[in-house]
Amino acid sequence: MECLDTIADYGLRSIGIGERLLPRENFTLCQQFTLIGSGMLWNIYFGVLSLLAGFFLATAVALGKAARNPVLRKSSEWFIFIFRGSPLFIQFFFAYFLFLALKGQYPFFNPFTAAWLGALLVLFLNTSAYTGEIFYGALQSIPKGDIEAADAYGLSGWSRFRRVIWPTMLRLAWPAYTNEAIFLFHSTTLVYFSGFPAWQQKGDALYYASYFADKTFNPFVPYPILAGYFILLTLVIITLMGRIGARLNRHLPQEAKRPRFRFRPQLIR
């Protein structure tokens, strides 16, 4: 019952629901599991929104890099180069101080100095650059026979892109894109170390893990708990992305299922 009370008090603390004050002493495993799990809500928030929005920008960037128009091509190339060439940690700091400077001149940028919007924007642009390069490589790897077949069926323009080019690009890029999705969710832990402040001292999972490690002088309990949560999150991502990948490849020949092993001892010769 005591653990259930702890979950009720701290389960949603990271989003401002529940107890305001953190426990100060006599920390229990239930408190650490609950508060670190509560902080995971912010990591999931950063990861899901930046991944979904970045998917569409990455598609546009990949098409821009493959375009014949030199303005679109060079803009996409420089966008990818800047965000892939600089560390994500530096991007967080640069964006925070840029928004802080703009905040003094334009009130519109006030929300961008908070982690929920400013850090989300950085993650969105960063994953768009990496995914855009993945999608561009997939575009370059589309078999010419697929495009020739589309031309033979009279498909052109948007119809050819929607029915042939885009699905083939996703099918080829999906394994690498799955790795990018996992990396993105792991990168959300850098938000705590960046210049963006935690919202009303209600931070992400690493915020609470660091709190317990500092208070107990024992990092071997909260950090493994944090790692365990991310391992579970990674398993969820792999499962979801695997199902989508199977859907994209449903028209391809599937590997024959291996027959079950059956133990049949030969008792009589």
C-alpha atoms as a PDB file:
ATOM      1  CA  MET A   1       0.000   0.000   0.000  1.00  0.00           C
ATOM      2  CA  GLU A   2       2.831   2.387   0.777  1.00  0.00           C
ATOM      3  CA  CYS A   3       4.255   1.946  -2.737  1.00  0.00           C
ATOM      4  CA  LEU A   4       0.808   2.589  -4.255  1.00  0.00           C
ATOM      5  CA  ASP A   5       0.612   5.828  -2.272  1.00  0.00           C
ATOM      6  CA  THR A   6       4.039   6.793  -3.595  1.00  0.00           C
ATOM      7  CA  ILE A   7       2.917   6.147  -7.180  1.00  0.00           C
ATOM      8  CA  ALA A   8      -0.218   8.230  -6.595  1.00  0.00           C
ATOM      9  CA  ASP A   9       1.851  11.088  -5.131  1.00  0.00           C
ATOM     10  CA  TYR A  10       4.773  11.149  -7.564  1.00  0.00           C
ATOM     11  CA  GLY A  11       3.686   9.230 -10.679  1.00  0.00           C
ATOM     12  CA  LEU A  12       2.848  12.416 -12.619  1.00  0.00           C
ATOM     13  CA  ARG A  13       5.036  14.883 -10.740  1.00  0.00           C
ATOM     14  CA  SER A  14       7.133  15.644 -13.835  1.00  0.00           C
ATOM     15  CA  ILE A  15       4.112  17.282 -15.492  1.00  0.00           C
ATOM     16  CA  GLY A  16       3.018  19.179 -12.380  1.00  0.00           C
ATOM     17  CA  ILE A  17       0.485  16.730 -10.908  1.00  0.00           C
ATOM     18  CA  GLY A  18       0.972  15.371  -7.399  1.00  0.00           C
ATOM     19  CA  GLU A  19       3.344  16.252  -4.588  1.00  0.00           C
ATOM     20  CA  ARG A  20       5.381  19.423  -5.085  1.00  0.00           C
ATOM     21  CA  LEU A  21       8.248  18.560  -2.735  1.00  0.00           C
ATOM     22  CA  LEU A  22      10.665  15.740  -3.453  1.00  0.00           C
ATOM     23  CA  PRO A  23      11.505  13.223  -0.707  1.00  0.00           C
ATOM     24  CA  ARG A  24      14.541  14.330   1.284  1.00  0.00           C
ATOM     25  CA  GLU A  25      15.681  11.202   3.108  1.00  0.00           C
ATOM     26  CA  ASN A  26      15.047   7.490   3.592  1.00  0.00           C
ATOM     27  CA  PHE A  27      14.649   6.965  -0.137  1.00  0.00           C
ATOM     28  CA  THR A  28      12.927   3.747  -1.144  1.00  0.00           C
ATOM     29  CA  LEU A  29      13.232   1.804  -4.364  1.00  0.00           C
ATOM     30  CA  CYS A  30       9.598   2.561  -5.063  1.00  0.00           C
ATOM     31  CA  GLN A  31      10.250   6.297  -4.858  1.00  0.00           C
ATOM     32  CA  GLN A  32      13.192   6.039  -7.222  1.00  0.00           C
ATOM     33  CA  PHE A  33      11.345   3.857  -9.728  1.00  0.00           C
ATOM     34  CA  THR A  34       8.301   6.126  -9.596  1.00  0.00           C
ATOM     35  CA  LEU A  35      10.033   9.483  -9.961  1.00  0.00           C
ATOM     36  CA  ILE A  36      12.464   8.334 -12.654  1.00  0.00           C
ATOM     37  CA  GLY A  37       9.554   6.743 -14.497  1.00  0.00           C
ATOM     38  CA  SER A  38       7.647  10.001 -14.123  1.00  0.00           C
ATOM     39  CA  GLY A  39      10.532  11.853 -15.742  1.00  0.00           C
ATOM     40  CA  MET A  40      10.422   9.434 -18.673  1.00  0.00           C
ATOM     41  CA  LEU A  41       7.210  11.195 -19.739  1.00  0.00           C
ATOM     42  CA  TRP A  42       9.327  14.153 -20.845  1.00  0.00           C
ATOM     43  CA  ASN A  43      11.794  11.927 -22.712  1.00  0.00           C
ATOM     44  CA  ILE A  44       8.901  10.290 -24.536  1.00  0.00           C
ATOM     45  CA  TYR A  45       7.417  13.724 -25.261  1.00  0.00           C
ATOM     46  CA  PHE A  46      10.664  14.996 -26.799  1.00  0.00           C
ATOM     47  CA  GLY A  47      11.275  11.802 -28.741  1.00  0.00           C
ATOM     48  CA  VAL A  48       7.792  11.233 -30.169  1.00  0.00           C
ATOM     49  CA  LEU A  49       7.094  14.802 -31.297  1.00  0.00           C
ATOM     50  CA  SER A  50      10.526  15.424 -32.804  1.00  0.00           C
ATOM     51  CA  LEU A  51      10.462  12.032 -34.563  1.00  0.00           C
ATOM     52  CA  LEU A  52       7.007  12.554 -36.071  1.00  0.00           C
ATOM     53  CA  ALA A  53       7.652  16.128 -37.199  1.00  0.00           C
ATOM     54  CA  GLY A  54      11.198  15.327 -38.312  1.00  0.00           C
ATOM     55  CA  PHE A  55       9.960  12.531 -40.558  1.00  0.00           C
ATOM     56  CA  PHE A  56       8.176  14.983 -42.854  1.00  0.00           C
ATOM     57  CA  LEU A  57      10.948  17.585 -42.858  1.00  0.00           C
ATOM     58  CA  ALA A  58      13.494  14.834 -43.553  1.00  0.00           C
ATOM     59  CA  THR A  59      11.493  13.724 -46.581  1.00  0.00           C
ATOM     60  CA  ALA A  60      11.495  17.292 -47.898  1.00  0.00           C
ATOM     61  CA  VAL A  61      15.223  17.654 -47.211  1.00  0.00           C
ATOM     62  CA  ALA A  62      16.013  14.385 -48.996  1.00  0.00           C
ATOM     63  CA  LEU A  63      13.987  15.465 -52.028  1.00  0.00           C
ATOM     64  CA  GLY A  64      15.650  18.866 -51.931  1.00  0.00           C
ATOM     65  CA  LYS A  65      19.114  17.337 -51.905  1.00  0.00           C
ATOM     66  CA  ALA A  66      18.167  15.165 -54.886  1.00  0.00           C
ATOM     67  CA  ALA A  67      16.561  18.092 -56.741  1.00  0.00           C
ATOM     68  CA  ARG A  68      18.029  19.634 -59.883  1.00  0.00           C
ATOM     69  CA  ASN A  69      17.365  23.137 -58.600  1.00  0.00           C
ATOM     70  CA  PRO A  70      20.735  24.350 -57.218  1.00  0.00           C
ATOM     71  CA  VAL A  71      19.089  26.508 -54.528  1.00  0.00           C
ATOM     72  CA  LEU A  72      17.073  23.618 -53.106  1.00  0.00           C
ATOM     73  CA  ARG A  73      19.999  21.224 -53.427  1.00  0.00           C
ATOM     74  CA  LYS A  74      22.559  23.474 -51.727  1.00  0.00           C
ATOM     75  CA  SER A  75      20.131  24.526 -48.987  1.00  0.00           C
ATOM     76  CA  SER A  76      19.427  20.901 -48.143  1.00  0.00           C
ATOM     77  CA  GLU A  77      23.104  19.967 -48.272  1.00  0.00           C
ATOM     78  CA  TRP A  78      24.097  22.769 -45.896  1.00  0.00           C
ATOM     79  CA  PHE A  79      21.233  22.006 -43.538  1.00  0.00           C
ATOM     80  CA  ILE A  80      22.356  18.386 -43.299  1.00  0.00           C
ATOM     81  CA  PHE A  81      26.028  19.331 -43.020  1.00  0.00           C
ATOM     82  CA  ILE A  82      25.520  21.833 -40.187  1.00  0.00           C
ATOM     83  CA  PHE A  83      23.344  19.616 -37.975  1.00  0.00           C
ATOM     84  CA  ARG A  84      25.309  16.429 -38.673  1.00  0.00           C
ATOM     85  CA  GLY A  85      28.673  18.146 -38.405  1.00  0.00           C
ATOM     86  CA  SER A  86      28.165  19.774 -34.994  1.00  0.00           C
ATOM     87  CA  PRO A  87      27.567  17.957 -31.682  1.00  0.00           C
ATOM     88  CA  LEU A  88      23.995  17.906 -30.437  1.00  0.00           C
ATOM     89  CA  PHE A  89      25.172  19.145 -27.046  1.00  0.00           C
ATOM     90  CA  ILE A  90      26.611  22.296 -28.648  1.00  0.00           C
ATOM     91  CA  GLN A  91      23.407  22.796 -30.633  1.00  0.00           C
ATOM     92  CA  PHE A  92      21.419  22.854 -27.390  1.00  0.00           C
ATOM     93  CA  PHE A  93      23.660  25.523 -25.871  1.00  0.00           C
ATOM     94  CA  PHE A  94      23.805  27.629 -29.025  1.00  0.00           C
ATOM     95  CA  ALA A  95      20.019  27.529 -29.475  1.00  0.00           C
ATOM     96  CA  TYR A  96      19.361  28.405 -25.831  1.00  0.00           C
ATOM     97  CA  PHE A  97      21.575  31.493 -25.821  1.00  0.00           C
ATOM     98  CA  LEU A  98      20.265  32.516 -29.246  1.00  0.00           C
ATOM     99  CA  PHE A  99      16.671  32.330 -28.006  1.00  0.00           C
ATOM    100  CA  LEU A 100      17.711  34.116 -24.810  1.00  0.00           C
ATOM    101  CA  ALA A 101      19.153  37.008 -26.861  1.00  0.00           C
ATOM    102  CA  LEU A 102      16.090  37.166 -29.106  1.00  0.00           C
ATOM    103  CA  LYS A 103      13.797  37.030 -26.090  1.00  0.00           C
ATOM    104  CA  GLY A 104      14.979  40.461 -24.969  1.00  0.00           C
ATOM    105  CA  GLN A 105      14.083  42.001 -28.331  1.00  0.00           C
ATOM    106  CA  TYR A 106      11.015  39.998 -29.343  1.00  0.00           C
ATOM    107  CA  PRO A 107       8.547  38.629 -26.742  1.00  0.00           C
ATOM    108  CA  PHE A 108       7.529  35.984 -29.288  1.00  0.00           C
ATOM    109  CA  PHE A 109      10.654  33.993 -28.364  1.00  0.00           C
ATOM    110  CA  ASN A 110       9.808  33.755 -24.644  1.00  0.00           C
ATOM    111  CA  PRO A 111       8.534  30.134 -24.844  1.00  0.00           C
ATOM    112  CA  PHE A 112      11.589  29.061 -26.852  1.00  0.00           C
ATOM    113  CA  THR A 113      13.862  29.480 -23.820  1.00  0.00           C
ATOM    114  CA  ALA A 114      11.968  26.677 -22.068  1.00  0.00           C
ATOM    115  CA  ALA A 115      12.937  23.063 -22.620  1.00  0.00           C
ATOM    116  CA  TRP A 116       9.458  21.945 -23.703  1.00  0.00           C
ATOM    117  CA  LEU A 117       9.716  24.046 -26.898  1.00  0.00           C
ATOM    118  CA  GLY A 118      13.332  25.139 -27.393  1.00  0.00           C
ATOM    119  CA  ALA A 119      14.929  21.738 -26.794  1.00  0.00           C
ATOM    120  CA  LEU A 120      12.159  20.089 -28.812  1.00  0.00           C
ATOM    121  CA  LEU A 121      12.978  22.357 -31.773  1.00  0.00           C
ATOM    122  CA  VAL A 122      16.678  21.435 -31.599  1.00  0.00           C
ATOM    123  CA  LEU A 123      15.909  17.713 -31.497  1.00  0.00           C
ATOM    124  CA  PHE A 124      13.466  18.137 -34.374  1.00  0.00           C
ATOM    125  CA  LEU A 125      16.046  19.850 -36.594  1.00  0.00           C
ATOM    126  CA  ASN A 126      18.806  17.435 -35.607  1.00  0.00           C
ATOM    127  CA  THR A 127      16.871  14.273 -36.376  1.00  0.00           C
ATOM    128  CA  SER A 128      15.555  15.841 -39.602  1.00  0.00           C
ATOM    129  CA  ALA A 129      19.130  16.290 -40.818  1.00  0.00           C
ATOM    130  CA  TYR A 130      20.210  12.737 -39.972  1.00  0.00           C
ATOM    131  CA  THR A 131      17.021  11.191 -41.321  1.00  0.00           C
ATOM    132  CA  GLY A 132      17.194  13.379 -44.418  1.00  0.00           C
ATOM    133  CA  GLU A 133      20.594  11.915 -45.249  1.00  0.00           C
ATOM    134  CA  ILE A 134      19.242   8.403 -44.676  1.00  0.00           C
ATOM    135  CA  PHE A 135      16.288   9.065 -46.965  1.00  0.00           C
ATOM    136  CA  TYR A 136      18.533  10.652 -49.586  1.00  0.00           C
ATOM    137  CA  GLY A 137      20.727   7.542 -49.651  1.00  0.00           C
ATOM    138  CA  ALA A 138      17.598   5.419 -50.040  1.00  0.00           C
ATOM    139  CA  LEU A 139      16.415   7.623 -52.908  1.00  0.00           C
ATOM    140  CA  GLN A 140      19.716   7.094 -54.678  1.00  0.00           C
ATOM    141  CA  SER A 141      19.407   3.324 -54.155  1.00  0.00           C
ATOM    142  CA  ILE A 142      15.967   2.905 -55.740  1.00  0.00           C
ATOM    143  CA  PRO A 143      16.339   0.401 -58.601  1.00  0.00           C
ATOM    144  CA  LYS A 144      15.976   1.997 -62.007  1.00  0.00           C
ATOM    145  CA  GLY A 145      13.713  -0.874 -62.995  1.00  0.00           C
ATOM    146  CA  ASP A 146      11.079   0.323 -60.492  1.00  0.00           C
ATOM    147  CA  ILE A 147      11.036   3.793 -62.029  1.00  0.00           C
ATOM    148  CA  GLU A 148      10.989   2.408 -65.555  1.00  0.00           C
ATOM    149  CA  ALA A 149       8.069   0.159 -64.618  1.00  0.00           C
ATOM    150  CA  ALA A 150       6.208   3.201 -63.243  1.00  0.00           C
ATOM    151  CA  ASP A 151       6.846   5.038 -66.503  1.00  0.00           C
ATOM    152  CA  ALA A 152       5.601   2.040 -68.436  1.00  0.00           C
ATOM    153  CA  TYR A 153       2.327   2.120 -66.480  1.00  0.00           C
ATOM    154  CA  GLY A 154       1.927   5.798 -67.320  1.00  0.00           C
ATOM    155  CA  LEU A 155       2.666   7.073 -63.795  1.00  0.00           C
ATOM    156  CA  SER A 156       4.362  10.452 -63.546  1.00  0.00           C
ATOM    157  CA  GLY A 157       4.794  13.304 -61.116  1.00  0.00           C
ATOM    158  CA  TRP A 158       2.981  12.986 -57.821  1.00  0.00           C
ATOM    159  CA  SER A 159       1.421   9.606 -58.678  1.00  0.00           C
ATOM    160  CA  ARG A 160       4.814   8.051 -59.401  1.00  0.00           C
ATOM    161  CA  PHE A 161       6.288   9.506 -56.231  1.00  0.00           C
ATOM    162  CA  ARG A 162       3.384   8.384 -54.019  1.00  0.00           C
ATOM    163  CA  ARG A 163       2.978   4.902 -55.468  1.00  0.00           C
ATOM    164  CA  VAL A 164       6.551   3.893 -56.305  1.00  0.00           C
ATOM    165  CA  ILE A 165       9.357   6.210 -55.206  1.00  0.00           C
ATOM    166  CA  TRP A 166       8.238   7.082 -51.663  1.00  0.00           C
ATOM    167  CA  PRO A 167       7.270   3.538 -50.556  1.00  0.00           C
ATOM    168  CA  THR A 168      10.489   2.111 -52.021  1.00  0.00           C
ATOM    169  CA  MET A 169      12.532   4.819 -50.320  1.00  0.00           C
ATOM    170  CA  LEU A 170      10.951   4.015 -46.953  1.00  0.00           C
ATOM    171  CA  ARG A 171      11.432   0.283 -47.418  1.00  0.00           C
ATOM    172  CA  LEU A 172      15.144   0.735 -48.137  1.00  0.00           C
ATOM    173  CA  ALA A 173      15.703   3.312 -45.405  1.00  0.00           C
ATOM    174  CA  TRP A 174      13.667   1.709 -42.624  1.00  0.00           C
ATOM    175  CA  PRO A 175      16.419  -0.327 -40.875  1.00  0.00           C
ATOM    176  CA  ALA A 176      18.695   2.725 -40.657  1.00  0.00           C
ATOM    177  CA  TYR A 177      15.751   4.928 -39.695  1.00  0.00           C
ATOM    178  CA  THR A 178      14.951   2.559 -36.826  1.00  0.00           C
ATOM    179  CA  ASN A 179      18.467   3.082 -35.473  1.00  0.00           C
ATOM    180  CA  GLU A 180      18.019   6.849 -35.789  1.00  0.00           C
ATOM    181  CA  ALA A 181      14.763   6.652 -33.819  1.00  0.00           C
ATOM    182  CA  ILE A 182      16.501   4.742 -31.009  1.00  0.00           C
ATOM    183  CA  PHE A 183      19.396   7.198 -31.009  1.00  0.00           C
ATOM    184  CA  LEU A 184      16.971  10.128 -30.859  1.00  0.00           C
ATOM    185  CA  PHE A 185      15.206   8.833 -27.759  1.00  0.00           C
ATOM    186  CA  HIS A 186      18.550   8.246 -26.072  1.00  0.00           C
ATOM    187  CA  SER A 187      19.624  11.772 -27.029  1.00  0.00           C
ATOM    188  CA  THR A 188      16.717  13.237 -25.073  1.00  0.00           C
ATOM    189  CA  THR A 189      18.769  12.687 -21.908  1.00  0.00           C
ATOM    190  CA  LEU A 190      21.033  15.552 -23.033  1.00  0.00           C
ATOM    191  CA  VAL A 191      18.213  18.037 -22.480  1.00  0.00           C
ATOM    192  CA  TYR A 192      18.869  17.892 -18.740  1.00  0.00           C
ATOM    193  CA  PHE A 193      22.525  18.880 -19.235  1.00  0.00           C
ATOM    194  CA  SER A 194      21.781  21.615 -21.774  1.00  0.00           C
ATOM    195  CA  GLY A 195      21.140  25.240 -20.967  1.00  0.00           C
ATOM    196  CA  PHE A 196      17.380  24.783 -21.120  1.00  0.00           C
ATOM    197  CA  PRO A 197      16.049  24.845 -17.552  1.00  0.00           C
ATOM    198  CA  ALA A 198      13.769  22.168 -16.166  1.00  0.00           C
ATOM    199  CA  TRP A 199      10.167  23.342 -15.981  1.00  0.00           C
ATOM    200  CA  GLN A 200       9.506  24.327 -12.342  1.00  0.00           C
ATOM    201  CA  GLN A 201      12.140  21.817 -11.194  1.00  0.00           C
ATOM    202  CA  LYS A 202      10.133  19.026 -12.831  1.00  0.00           C
ATOM    203  CA  GLY A 203      12.676  17.539 -15.201  1.00  0.00           C
ATOM    204  CA  ASP A 204      13.146  14.416 -17.250  1.00  0.00           C
ATOM    205  CA  ALA A 205      14.261  10.963 -16.111  1.00  0.00           C
ATOM    206  CA  LEU A 206      17.949  11.892 -15.871  1.00  0.00           C
ATOM    207  CA  TYR A 207      17.012  14.869 -13.701  1.00  0.00           C
ATOM    208  CA  TYR A 208      15.513  12.585 -11.056  1.00  0.00           C
ATOM    209  CA  ALA A 209      18.225   9.944 -11.403  1.00  0.00           C
ATOM    210  CA  SER A 210      20.863  12.606 -10.771  1.00  0.00           C
ATOM    211  CA  TYR A 211      18.877  13.887  -7.799  1.00  0.00           C
ATOM    212  CA  PHE A 212      18.858  10.488  -6.096  1.00  0.00           C
ATOM    213  CA  ALA A 213      22.514   9.855  -6.968  1.00  0.00           C
ATOM    214  CA  ASP A 214      23.521  13.185  -5.373  1.00  0.00           C
ATOM    215  CA  LYS A 215      21.420  12.653  -2.255  1.00  0.00           C
ATOM    216  CA  THR A 216      22.395   9.044  -1.588  1.00  0.00           C
ATOM    217  CA  PHE A 217      25.987   9.212  -2.932  1.00  0.00           C
ATOM    218  CA  ASN A 218      25.166   5.905  -4.612  1.00  0.00           C
ATOM    219  CA  PRO A 219      24.813   6.099  -8.413  1.00  0.00           C
ATOM    220  CA  PHE A 220      24.497   2.307  -8.728  1.00  0.00           C
ATOM    221  CA  VAL A 221      20.779   2.316  -7.958  1.00  0.00           C
ATOM    222  CA  PRO A 222      19.145   5.256  -9.829  1.00  0.00           C
ATOM    223  CA  TYR A 223      21.231   5.050 -13.013  1.00  0.00           C
ATOM    224  CA  PRO A 224      20.588   1.316 -13.591  1.00  0.00           C
ATOM    225  CA  ILE A 225      16.892   2.069 -13.065  1.00  0.00           C
ATOM    226  CA  LEU A 226      17.163   4.792 -15.712  1.00  0.00           C
ATOM    227  CA  ALA A 227      18.975   2.409 -18.063  1.00  0.00           C
ATOM    228  CA  GLY A 228      16.277  -0.208 -17.496  1.00  0.00           C
ATOM    229  CA  TYR A 229      13.556   2.239 -18.489  1.00  0.00           C
ATOM    230  CA  PHE A 230      15.401   3.117 -21.689  1.00  0.00           C
ATOM    231  CA  ILE A 231      15.953  -0.554 -22.498  1.00  0.00           C
ATOM    232  CA  LEU A 232      12.202  -1.119 -22.203  1.00  0.00           C
ATOM    233  CA  LEU A 233      11.573   1.966 -24.350  1.00  0.00           C
ATOM    234  CA  THR A 234      14.026   0.671 -26.939  1.00  0.00           C
ATOM    235  CA  LEU A 235      12.204  -2.675 -27.051  1.00  0.00           C
ATOM    236  CA  VAL A 236       8.939  -0.818 -27.671  1.00  0.00           C
ATOM    237  CA  ILE A 237      10.523   1.208 -30.494  1.00  0.00           C
ATOM    238  CA  ILE A 238      12.023  -1.895 -32.106  1.00  0.00           C
ATOM    239  CA  THR A 239       8.660  -3.668 -31.927  1.00  0.00           C
ATOM    240  CA  LEU A 240       6.684  -0.772 -33.424  1.00  0.00           C
ATOM    241  CA  MET A 241       9.232  -0.015 -36.130  1.00  0.00           C
ATOM    242  CA  GLY A 242       9.506  -3.725 -36.912  1.00  0.00           C
ATOM    243  CA  ARG A 243       5.759  -3.956 -37.460  1.00  0.00           C
ATOM    244  CA  ILE A 244       5.815  -0.926 -39.741  1.00  0.00           C
ATOM    245  CA  GLY A 245       8.785  -2.371 -41.612  1.00  0.00           C
ATOM    246  CA  ALA A 246       6.950  -5.670 -42.076  1.00  0.00           C
ATOM    247  CA  ARG A 247       3.990  -3.723 -43.430  1.00  0.00           C
ATOM    248  CA  LEU A 248       6.229  -1.908 -45.911  1.00  0.00           C
ATOM    249  CA  ASN A 249       7.722  -5.213 -47.087  1.00  0.00           C
ATOM    250  CA  ARG A 250       4.506  -7.233 -47.124  1.00  0.00           C
ATOM    251  CA  HIS A 251       4.616  -7.573 -50.926  1.00  0.00           C
ATOM    252  CA  LEU A 252       8.066  -9.170 -50.883  1.00  0.00           C
ATOM    253  CA  PRO A 253       8.640 -12.932 -50.568  1.00  0.00           C
ATOM    254  CA  GLN A 254       8.825 -13.834 -46.912  1.00  0.00           C
ATOM    255  CA  GLU A 255      11.274 -16.301 -45.458  1.00  0.00           C
ATOM    256  CA  ALA A 256       9.770 -19.704 -44.876  1.00  0.00           C
ATOM    257  CA  LYS A 257       9.129 -20.414 -41.240  1.00  0.00           C
ATOM    258  CA  ARG A 258      11.467 -22.892 -39.693  1.00  0.00           C
ATOM    259  CA  PRO A 259       9.751 -26.107 -38.605  1.00  0.00           C
ATOM    260  CA  ARG A 260       9.495 -26.597 -34.880  1.00  0.00           C
ATOM    261  CA  PHE A 261      12.048 -28.906 -33.363  1.00  0.00           C
ATOM    262  CA  ARG A 262      10.487 -32.098 -32.167  1.00  0.00           C
ATOM    263  CA  PHE A 263      12.302 -34.540 -29.965  1.00  0.00           C
ATOM    264  CA  ARG A 264      11.660 -38.020 -31.304  1.00  0.00           C
ATOM    265  CA  PRO A 265      13.957 -40.539 -29.671  1.00  0.00           C
ATOM    266  CA  GLN A 266      14.489 -43.740 -31.613  1.00  0.00           C
ATOM    267  CA  LEU A 267      13.682 -46.376 -29.066  1.00  0.00           C
ATOM    268  CA  ILE A 268      13.531 -49.377 -31.392  1.00  0.00           C
ATOM    269  CA  ARG A 269      15.942 -50.063 -34.219  1.00  0.00           C
END
